[in-house]
Each structure stands twice: as C-alpha cells, then as structure tokens.
Amino acid sequence: MTTEIKTHSATMAQMIQTPPGPIPQPPPEIPPQPSPNPTPQPPLEPIPGNVPEPPVPQPTVA
C-alpha cells in the first residue's frame, strides 16, 4: 500500500511538473571535440619500402 501510494504520488508530481504542450525535443548531440593531440596524417609522398610495385601487364591470351 505504501509503495503504491509513493509511486502514485511520484507520477502525479511528474505529471504536474511536466508543462502542457508539445514535448520538448532533446538537444542535438554535441559533435565530438577534436582530441588535443590529433593523429598525424601520413605524408602524401610514398614512404621508401612501402612503394607499391607497378602492375605486371597480363599477357593477352589469344
């Protein structure tokens, strides 16, 4: 009985506190802030040792 009264009074309090009208939409999600130490971008020029080999021309099959 006591628990039912408490939950009922709590719901009534929430209903009273809730303003009438459209339900307020939650604020848009905040985009993640850039980390203080951003990940260094790889250099545009190829790194020695990781240079991709040129494609081998496939022999034309007659």
N, C-alpha and C. Protein backbone atom coordinates (compact mmCIF):
# COMPACT_ATOMS: atom_id res chain seq x y z
N MET A 1 0.86 -1.20 0.00
CA MET A 1 0.00 0.00 0.00
C MET A 1 0.89 1.25 0.00
N THR A 2 1.88 1.27 0.89
CA THR A 2 2.72 2.47 0.97
C THR A 2 3.50 2.66 -0.33
N THR A 3 4.02 1.56 -0.89
CA THR A 3 4.79 1.68 -2.12
C THR A 3 3.90 2.17 -3.24
N GLU A 4 2.67 1.68 -3.30
CA GLU A 4 1.77 2.11 -4.37
C GLU A 4 1.48 3.61 -4.23
N ILE A 5 1.28 4.06 -3.01
CA ILE A 5 0.98 5.48 -2.80
C ILE A 5 2.20 6.31 -3.20
N LYS A 6 3.40 5.83 -2.85
CA LYS A 6 4.60 6.60 -3.18
C LYS A 6 4.76 6.70 -4.69
N THR A 7 4.62 5.59 -5.40
CA THR A 7 4.79 5.63 -6.85
C THR A 7 3.71 6.49 -7.47
N HIS A 8 2.48 6.39 -6.93
CA HIS A 8 1.39 7.18 -7.50
C HIS A 8 1.66 8.67 -7.28
N SER A 9 2.09 9.03 -6.09
CA SER A 9 2.36 10.45 -5.81
C SER A 9 3.53 10.93 -6.67
N ALA A 10 4.51 10.06 -6.89
CA ALA A 10 5.66 10.44 -7.70
C ALA A 10 5.21 10.71 -9.13
N THR A 11 4.38 9.82 -9.67
CA THR A 11 3.90 10.02 -11.04
C THR A 11 3.05 11.27 -11.12
N MET A 12 2.24 11.53 -10.11
CA MET A 12 1.41 12.73 -10.11
C MET A 12 2.30 13.97 -10.08
N ALA A 13 3.36 13.93 -9.28
CA ALA A 13 4.27 15.07 -9.20
C ALA A 13 4.93 15.29 -10.56
N GLN A 14 5.33 14.21 -11.22
CA GLN A 14 5.96 14.34 -12.53
C GLN A 14 4.97 14.90 -13.54
N MET A 15 3.72 14.45 -13.47
CA MET A 15 2.71 14.95 -14.41
C MET A 15 2.46 16.43 -14.16
N ILE A 16 2.45 16.83 -12.89
CA ILE A 16 2.20 18.25 -12.58
C ILE A 16 3.40 19.08 -13.04
N GLN A 17 4.61 18.57 -12.84
CA GLN A 17 5.80 19.32 -13.22
C GLN A 17 5.93 19.41 -14.74
N THR A 18 5.39 18.43 -15.46
CA THR A 18 5.52 18.44 -16.91
C THR A 18 4.64 19.55 -17.48
N PRO A 19 5.21 20.52 -18.17
CA PRO A 19 4.40 21.61 -18.73
C PRO A 19 3.52 21.10 -19.85
N PRO A 20 2.32 21.64 -20.00
CA PRO A 20 1.45 21.21 -21.09
C PRO A 20 1.99 21.68 -22.43
N GLY A 21 1.57 21.01 -23.48
CA GLY A 21 2.00 21.41 -24.81
C GLY A 21 2.88 20.34 -25.44
N PRO A 22 3.52 20.69 -26.53
CA PRO A 22 4.37 19.70 -27.23
C PRO A 22 5.52 19.28 -26.35
N ILE A 23 5.93 18.03 -26.54
CA ILE A 23 7.04 17.50 -25.74
C ILE A 23 8.34 18.15 -26.23
N PRO A 24 9.12 18.74 -25.35
CA PRO A 24 10.38 19.36 -25.78
C PRO A 24 11.33 18.32 -26.35
N GLN A 25 11.91 18.63 -27.48
CA GLN A 25 12.84 17.69 -28.11
C GLN A 25 14.18 17.74 -27.38
N PRO A 26 14.86 16.61 -27.30
CA PRO A 26 16.17 16.60 -26.64
C PRO A 26 17.16 17.43 -27.45
N PRO A 27 18.14 18.05 -26.82
CA PRO A 27 19.11 18.86 -27.55
C PRO A 27 19.90 18.00 -28.52
N PRO A 28 20.30 18.55 -29.65
CA PRO A 28 21.06 17.75 -30.64
C PRO A 28 22.37 17.29 -30.03
N GLU A 29 22.82 16.13 -30.48
CA GLU A 29 24.06 15.57 -29.93
C GLU A 29 25.24 16.49 -30.28
N ILE A 30 26.07 16.73 -29.27
CA ILE A 30 27.24 17.58 -29.49
C ILE A 30 28.30 16.77 -30.24
N PRO A 31 28.81 17.29 -31.36
CA PRO A 31 29.84 16.54 -32.09
C PRO A 31 31.08 16.37 -31.22
N PRO A 32 31.77 15.25 -31.37
CA PRO A 32 32.96 15.01 -30.53
C PRO A 32 34.02 16.07 -30.78
N GLN A 33 34.56 16.58 -29.71
CA GLN A 33 35.60 17.60 -29.84
C GLN A 33 36.89 16.96 -30.33
N PRO A 34 37.66 17.69 -31.15
CA PRO A 34 38.93 17.12 -31.63
C PRO A 34 39.87 16.89 -30.46
N SER A 35 40.55 15.77 -30.47
CA SER A 35 41.45 15.43 -29.37
C SER A 35 42.60 16.44 -29.34
N PRO A 36 43.15 16.72 -28.15
CA PRO A 36 44.26 17.69 -28.05
C PRO A 36 45.42 17.31 -28.96
N ASN A 37 45.71 16.01 -29.04
CA ASN A 37 46.81 15.56 -29.88
C ASN A 37 46.23 14.77 -31.06
N PRO A 38 45.92 15.46 -32.15
CA PRO A 38 45.34 14.74 -33.29
C PRO A 38 46.33 13.76 -33.89
N THR A 39 45.79 12.72 -34.49
CA THR A 39 46.65 11.72 -35.11
C THR A 39 47.36 12.33 -36.31
N PRO A 40 48.68 12.26 -36.37
CA PRO A 40 49.40 12.85 -37.50
C PRO A 40 49.01 12.18 -38.81
N GLN A 41 48.76 13.00 -39.82
CA GLN A 41 48.39 12.44 -41.11
C GLN A 41 49.63 11.87 -41.80
N PRO A 42 49.49 10.76 -42.51
CA PRO A 42 50.64 10.18 -43.22
C PRO A 42 51.08 11.12 -44.34
N PRO A 43 52.36 11.17 -44.63
CA PRO A 43 52.84 12.06 -45.71
C PRO A 43 52.27 11.62 -47.04
N LEU A 44 52.05 12.60 -47.92
CA LEU A 44 51.49 12.28 -49.23
C LEU A 44 52.52 11.53 -50.07
N GLU A 45 53.79 11.88 -49.91
CA GLU A 45 54.80 11.20 -50.71
C GLU A 45 54.98 9.77 -50.20
N PRO A 46 55.22 8.81 -51.10
CA PRO A 46 55.33 7.41 -50.68
C PRO A 46 56.52 7.22 -49.76
N ILE A 47 56.34 6.36 -48.78
CA ILE A 47 57.43 6.07 -47.85
C ILE A 47 58.33 5.00 -48.47
N PRO A 48 59.65 5.17 -48.43
CA PRO A 48 60.55 4.15 -49.00
C PRO A 48 60.30 2.80 -48.35
N GLY A 49 60.19 1.77 -49.18
CA GLY A 49 59.95 0.43 -48.67
C GLY A 49 58.49 0.06 -48.80
N ASN A 50 57.60 1.06 -48.82
CA ASN A 50 56.18 0.78 -48.97
C ASN A 50 55.68 1.21 -50.34
N VAL A 51 56.61 1.43 -51.28
CA VAL A 51 56.19 1.87 -52.61
C VAL A 51 55.52 0.69 -53.32
N PRO A 52 54.29 0.85 -53.75
CA PRO A 52 53.62 -0.27 -54.44
C PRO A 52 54.29 -0.55 -55.77
N GLU A 53 54.44 -1.84 -56.07
CA GLU A 53 55.08 -2.22 -57.33
C GLU A 53 54.12 -1.93 -58.49
N PRO A 54 54.66 -1.58 -59.66
CA PRO A 54 53.78 -1.32 -60.81
C PRO A 54 53.07 -2.61 -61.21
N PRO A 55 51.83 -2.49 -61.69
CA PRO A 55 51.10 -3.70 -62.07
C PRO A 55 51.79 -4.41 -63.22
N VAL A 56 51.87 -5.74 -63.11
CA VAL A 56 52.51 -6.53 -64.17
C VAL A 56 51.53 -6.66 -65.32
N PRO A 57 51.93 -6.30 -66.53
CA PRO A 57 51.00 -6.42 -67.67
C PRO A 57 50.63 -7.88 -67.91
N GLN A 58 49.34 -8.14 -67.99
CA GLN A 58 48.89 -9.51 -68.21
C GLN A 58 49.07 -9.86 -69.69
N PRO A 59 49.64 -11.05 -69.96
CA PRO A 59 49.79 -11.44 -71.38
C PRO A 59 48.42 -11.67 -72.00
N THR A 60 48.27 -11.15 -73.21
CA THR A 60 46.98 -11.30 -73.89
C THR A 60 46.82 -12.74 -74.36
N VAL A 61 45.75 -13.38 -73.92
CA VAL A 61 45.50 -14.76 -74.32
C VAL A 61 44.75 -14.74 -75.64
N ALA A 62 45.34 -15.36 -76.67
CA ALA A 62 44.71 -15.36 -77.98
C ALA A 62 43.58 -16.38 -77.99
